[in-house]
Amino acid sequence: MSTSKSNPIHLLPLLAIILFLQACSPKAVFRMSPVADETSWLSGREYVVSDNDSVMVVLAYYRHMGDLFYFDIEIVNFSDESLHVAPEQFYYTAYTGDPQVETTLAHNRSAVNPEDKLLELDLSASKMDADRRTTAGFDAAFLTLGVVGDMAALTSGASGEEMSWRIHDRTNMVIEMEIRDERFRRSLGNLAEARNIWELDMLRKTDLQPDEYVRGMVAFPLRES
């Protein structure tokens, strides 16, 4: 019977990171470079390889987006047993000061769990869809009341100027409804796009059998301080 391994995987032995801060824009721009003796380049990314008799890990810094920074990682299981891989096993250790001189431990941060992120996105999409349906119901009610008022005004002999104003007001109402609906659609589309990334591109819980590998992105929360 094969057994799973779930020991924490520490990124520091795989990739010692130097964090550079560019203050050329309102938001900080971060770049990370490995200080390993041996690295290899592929498609503009610098990779570090760490392997032993049972597991090989290939790692490269990908990019910084928002409050997260991402790594491209591949894990190969060369052992005779099942290897359990999960993003929450990964963490980084941050230091302050010059890593070549003296450093002070700042904090440890674990990788973001994609399952938690997917749940968060699903809840946001559900709430947004409910808000959209509620707003659409109110819009339909107000539009109906407006049309009824227009008919009543026309029946009671409203002037042409008043009817023109009513038509203009109703047209603006419809335009505003369409604008809100378009904003809802775009927001839902952005959530769906983000969900696809976290579902398909990120490293997720996997039991690697012997000679199997898995590849994906791992995201870490950024703490600028």
Protein backbone atom coordinates (compact mmCIF):
# COMPACT_ATOMS: atom_id res chain seq x y z
CA MET A 1 0.00 0.00 0.00
CA SER A 2 1.36 3.39 -0.96
CA THR A 3 1.54 6.16 1.60
CA SER A 4 1.17 9.89 1.14
CA LYS A 5 3.73 12.42 2.23
CA SER A 6 2.61 15.85 3.39
CA ASN A 7 5.76 17.36 4.86
CA PRO A 8 6.00 21.16 4.51
CA ILE A 9 8.06 22.28 1.54
CA HIS A 10 10.22 25.28 2.40
CA LEU A 11 10.97 27.53 -0.56
CA LEU A 12 14.12 29.01 0.95
CA PRO A 13 16.41 26.05 0.17
CA LEU A 14 15.04 26.07 -3.37
CA LEU A 15 15.28 29.74 -4.09
CA ALA A 16 16.99 32.43 -2.06
CA ILE A 17 15.23 35.62 -3.03
CA ILE A 18 16.47 39.16 -3.31
CA LEU A 19 13.60 41.62 -3.33
CA PHE A 20 14.10 44.82 -5.29
CA LEU A 21 11.77 47.78 -4.91
CA GLN A 22 11.30 50.25 -7.77
CA ALA A 23 9.78 53.54 -6.66
CA CYS A 24 9.17 54.84 -10.16
CA SER A 25 5.38 54.56 -9.93
CA PRO A 26 2.71 55.17 -7.28
CA LYS A 27 2.54 51.45 -6.56
CA ALA A 28 5.62 49.45 -5.70
CA VAL A 29 7.03 47.21 -8.44
CA PHE A 30 8.81 44.11 -7.24
CA ARG A 31 11.42 41.95 -8.94
CA MET A 32 12.85 38.74 -7.55
CA SER A 33 16.04 37.02 -8.57
CA PRO A 34 17.52 33.74 -7.34
CA VAL A 35 20.97 33.78 -5.77
CA ALA A 36 21.54 30.08 -6.39
CA ASP A 37 24.89 29.13 -7.92
CA GLU A 38 23.27 27.30 -10.82
CA THR A 39 20.17 28.44 -12.68
CA SER A 40 18.74 27.93 -16.15
CA TRP A 41 16.70 30.22 -18.38
CA LEU A 42 13.59 29.37 -20.37
CA SER A 43 11.36 31.89 -22.16
CA GLY A 44 12.70 34.77 -20.10
CA ARG A 45 12.34 33.07 -16.72
CA GLU A 46 15.21 32.01 -14.49
CA TYR A 47 14.65 28.56 -13.01
CA VAL A 48 16.20 26.87 -10.00
CA VAL A 49 16.25 23.08 -9.74
CA SER A 50 16.38 21.19 -6.45
CA ASP A 51 16.37 17.41 -6.50
CA ASN A 52 17.25 14.34 -4.52
CA ASP A 53 16.67 10.65 -5.00
CA SER A 54 12.91 10.93 -4.59
CA VAL A 55 11.65 14.40 -5.54
CA MET A 56 12.65 17.09 -8.00
CA VAL A 57 11.35 20.65 -7.77
CA VAL A 58 11.78 23.24 -10.53
CA LEU A 59 10.92 26.79 -9.51
CA ALA A 60 10.87 30.24 -11.10
CA TYR A 61 9.52 33.63 -10.10
CA TYR A 62 6.64 34.60 -12.42
CA ARG A 63 5.26 38.05 -11.59
CA HIS A 64 3.74 40.39 -9.02
CA MET A 65 0.07 41.30 -9.42
CA GLY A 66 -1.89 43.28 -6.87
CA ASP A 67 -1.22 41.99 -3.39
CA LEU A 68 0.12 38.62 -4.57
CA PHE A 69 3.28 37.39 -6.21
CA TYR A 70 3.42 34.19 -8.22
CA PHE A 71 5.85 31.35 -8.80
CA ASP A 72 5.87 28.77 -11.57
CA ILE A 73 6.62 25.38 -10.02
CA GLU A 74 6.94 21.80 -11.23
CA ILE A 75 7.25 18.78 -8.94
CA VAL A 76 8.30 15.30 -10.06
CA ASN A 77 7.89 12.21 -7.89
CA PHE A 78 10.79 9.79 -8.39
CA SER A 79 9.99 7.77 -5.27
CA ASP A 80 8.18 4.44 -5.03
CA GLU A 81 5.39 5.97 -2.94
CA SER A 82 2.56 8.40 -3.41
CA LEU A 83 3.54 12.03 -2.77
CA HIS A 84 0.89 14.45 -1.55
CA VAL A 85 1.40 17.97 -2.91
CA ALA A 86 -0.67 20.94 -1.73
CA PRO A 87 -0.12 24.71 -2.02
CA GLU A 88 -0.46 25.20 1.74
CA GLN A 89 2.75 23.16 2.16
CA PHE A 90 4.69 26.02 0.60
CA TYR A 91 5.78 29.12 2.46
CA TYR A 92 8.43 31.78 2.22
CA THR A 93 10.58 33.41 4.83
CA ALA A 94 11.15 37.15 4.45
CA TYR A 95 14.10 39.04 5.87
CA THR A 96 14.99 42.70 6.13
CA GLY A 97 18.44 44.05 5.38
CA ASP A 98 21.12 43.07 2.89
CA PRO A 99 21.07 39.26 2.49
CA GLN A 100 24.81 39.33 1.78
CA VAL A 101 25.60 41.11 5.04
CA GLU A 102 23.07 40.81 7.82
CA THR A 103 19.38 40.01 7.85
CA THR A 104 16.56 40.09 10.35
CA LEU A 105 13.63 37.70 10.19
CA ALA A 106 10.49 39.63 9.24
CA HIS A 107 7.80 37.00 8.80
CA ASN A 108 6.76 33.67 7.29
CA ARG A 109 3.88 33.60 4.83
CA SER A 110 2.12 30.52 3.48
CA ALA A 111 0.89 30.19 -0.09
CA VAL A 112 -2.71 31.00 -0.91
CA ASN A 113 -4.97 27.95 -0.95
CA PRO A 114 -6.73 27.89 -4.36
CA GLU A 115 -9.73 26.08 -2.86
CA ASP A 116 -10.30 29.00 -0.48
CA LYS A 117 -9.92 31.47 -3.34
CA LEU A 118 -12.37 29.56 -5.53
CA LEU A 119 -14.94 29.57 -2.73
CA GLU A 120 -14.42 33.31 -2.25
CA LEU A 121 -14.95 33.95 -5.97
CA ASP A 122 -18.05 31.74 -6.09
CA LEU A 123 -19.58 33.58 -3.14
CA SER A 124 -18.81 36.95 -4.75
CA ALA A 125 -20.36 35.84 -8.04
CA SER A 126 -23.46 34.53 -6.26
CA LYS A 127 -23.92 37.78 -4.34
CA MET A 128 -23.35 39.87 -7.45
CA ASP A 129 -25.89 37.84 -9.42
CA ALA A 130 -28.44 38.22 -6.61
CA ASP A 131 -27.82 41.99 -6.53
CA ARG A 132 -28.24 42.11 -10.29
CA ARG A 133 -31.60 40.31 -10.16
CA THR A 134 -32.81 42.51 -7.30
CA THR A 135 -31.81 45.67 -9.16
CA ALA A 136 -33.45 44.40 -12.34
CA GLY A 137 -36.68 43.81 -10.41
CA PHE A 138 -36.69 47.35 -9.04
CA ASP A 139 -35.87 48.78 -12.47
CA ALA A 140 -38.74 46.88 -14.06
CA ALA A 141 -41.14 48.07 -11.36
CA PHE A 142 -40.09 51.72 -11.70
CA LEU A 143 -40.26 51.53 -15.49
CA THR A 144 -43.75 50.04 -15.34
CA LEU A 145 -44.91 52.76 -12.95
CA GLY A 146 -43.42 55.36 -15.26
CA VAL A 147 -45.22 53.99 -18.30
CA VAL A 148 -48.51 53.85 -16.36
CA GLY A 149 -47.96 57.46 -15.33
CA ASP A 150 -47.27 58.44 -18.92
CA MET A 151 -50.50 56.82 -20.11
CA ALA A 152 -52.46 58.51 -17.34
CA ALA A 153 -50.94 61.88 -18.22
CA LEU A 154 -51.74 61.39 -21.89
CA THR A 155 -55.32 60.40 -21.09
CA SER A 156 -55.79 63.44 -18.86
CA GLY A 157 -54.70 65.74 -21.67
CA ALA A 158 -51.12 66.51 -20.72
CA SER A 159 -49.39 69.11 -22.88
CA GLY A 160 -46.95 68.15 -25.60
CA GLU A 161 -44.12 69.69 -23.59
CA GLU A 162 -44.95 67.54 -20.56
CA MET A 163 -45.16 64.37 -22.67
CA SER A 164 -41.87 65.22 -24.33
CA TRP A 165 -40.29 65.58 -20.89
CA ARG A 166 -41.79 62.26 -19.79
CA ILE A 167 -40.45 60.47 -22.87
CA HIS A 168 -37.01 61.99 -22.27
CA ASP A 169 -37.11 60.90 -18.62
CA ARG A 170 -38.15 57.36 -19.57
CA THR A 171 -35.40 57.15 -22.20
CA ASN A 172 -32.79 58.16 -19.64
CA MET A 173 -34.14 55.52 -17.26
CA VAL A 174 -33.73 52.79 -19.89
CA ILE A 175 -30.20 53.96 -20.71
CA GLU A 176 -29.23 53.89 -17.03
CA MET A 177 -30.66 50.36 -16.73
CA GLU A 178 -28.59 49.21 -19.71
CA ILE A 179 -25.44 50.79 -18.27
CA ARG A 180 -25.95 49.07 -14.91
CA ASP A 181 -26.63 45.76 -16.63
CA GLU A 182 -23.46 46.08 -18.69
CA ARG A 183 -21.43 46.82 -15.56
CA PHE A 184 -22.89 43.73 -13.90
CA ARG A 185 -22.00 41.59 -16.93
CA ARG A 186 -18.43 42.87 -16.99
CA SER A 187 -17.97 42.32 -13.27
CA LEU A 188 -19.33 38.78 -13.50
CA GLY A 189 -17.07 38.19 -16.50
CA ASN A 190 -14.04 39.35 -14.52
CA LEU A 191 -14.94 36.98 -11.68
CA ALA A 192 -15.36 34.11 -14.14
CA GLU A 193 -11.97 34.87 -15.69
CA ALA A 194 -10.31 34.97 -12.28
CA ARG A 195 -11.97 31.69 -11.37
CA ASN A 196 -10.61 30.02 -14.50
CA ILE A 197 -7.09 31.08 -13.53
CA TRP A 198 -7.37 29.74 -9.99
CA GLU A 199 -9.03 26.54 -11.19
CA LEU A 200 -6.84 25.71 -14.18
CA ASP A 201 -3.49 27.51 -13.84
CA MET A 202 -2.76 27.26 -10.13
CA LEU A 203 -1.15 24.32 -8.36
CA ARG A 204 -3.89 22.42 -6.51
CA LYS A 205 -3.96 19.44 -4.18
CA THR A 206 -2.60 16.41 -6.00
CA ASP A 207 -1.47 12.92 -5.04
CA LEU A 208 1.49 12.18 -7.30
CA GLN A 209 2.05 8.52 -8.02
CA PRO A 210 5.58 7.26 -8.76
CA ASP A 211 7.07 8.90 -11.89
CA GLU A 212 4.23 11.41 -12.12
CA TYR A 213 4.63 15.18 -12.12
CA VAL A 214 2.47 18.24 -11.62
CA ARG A 215 3.00 21.84 -12.67
CA GLY A 216 1.19 25.06 -11.78
CA MET A 217 1.40 28.49 -10.23
CA VAL A 218 1.75 29.16 -6.51
CA ALA A 219 0.70 32.55 -5.12
CA PHE A 220 1.97 34.22 -1.97
CA PRO A 221 0.44 37.23 -0.21
CA LEU A 222 2.63 40.30 -0.31
CA ARG A 223 3.47 42.16 2.85
CA GLU A 224 5.44 45.24 1.86
CA SER A 225 6.54 46.06 5.39
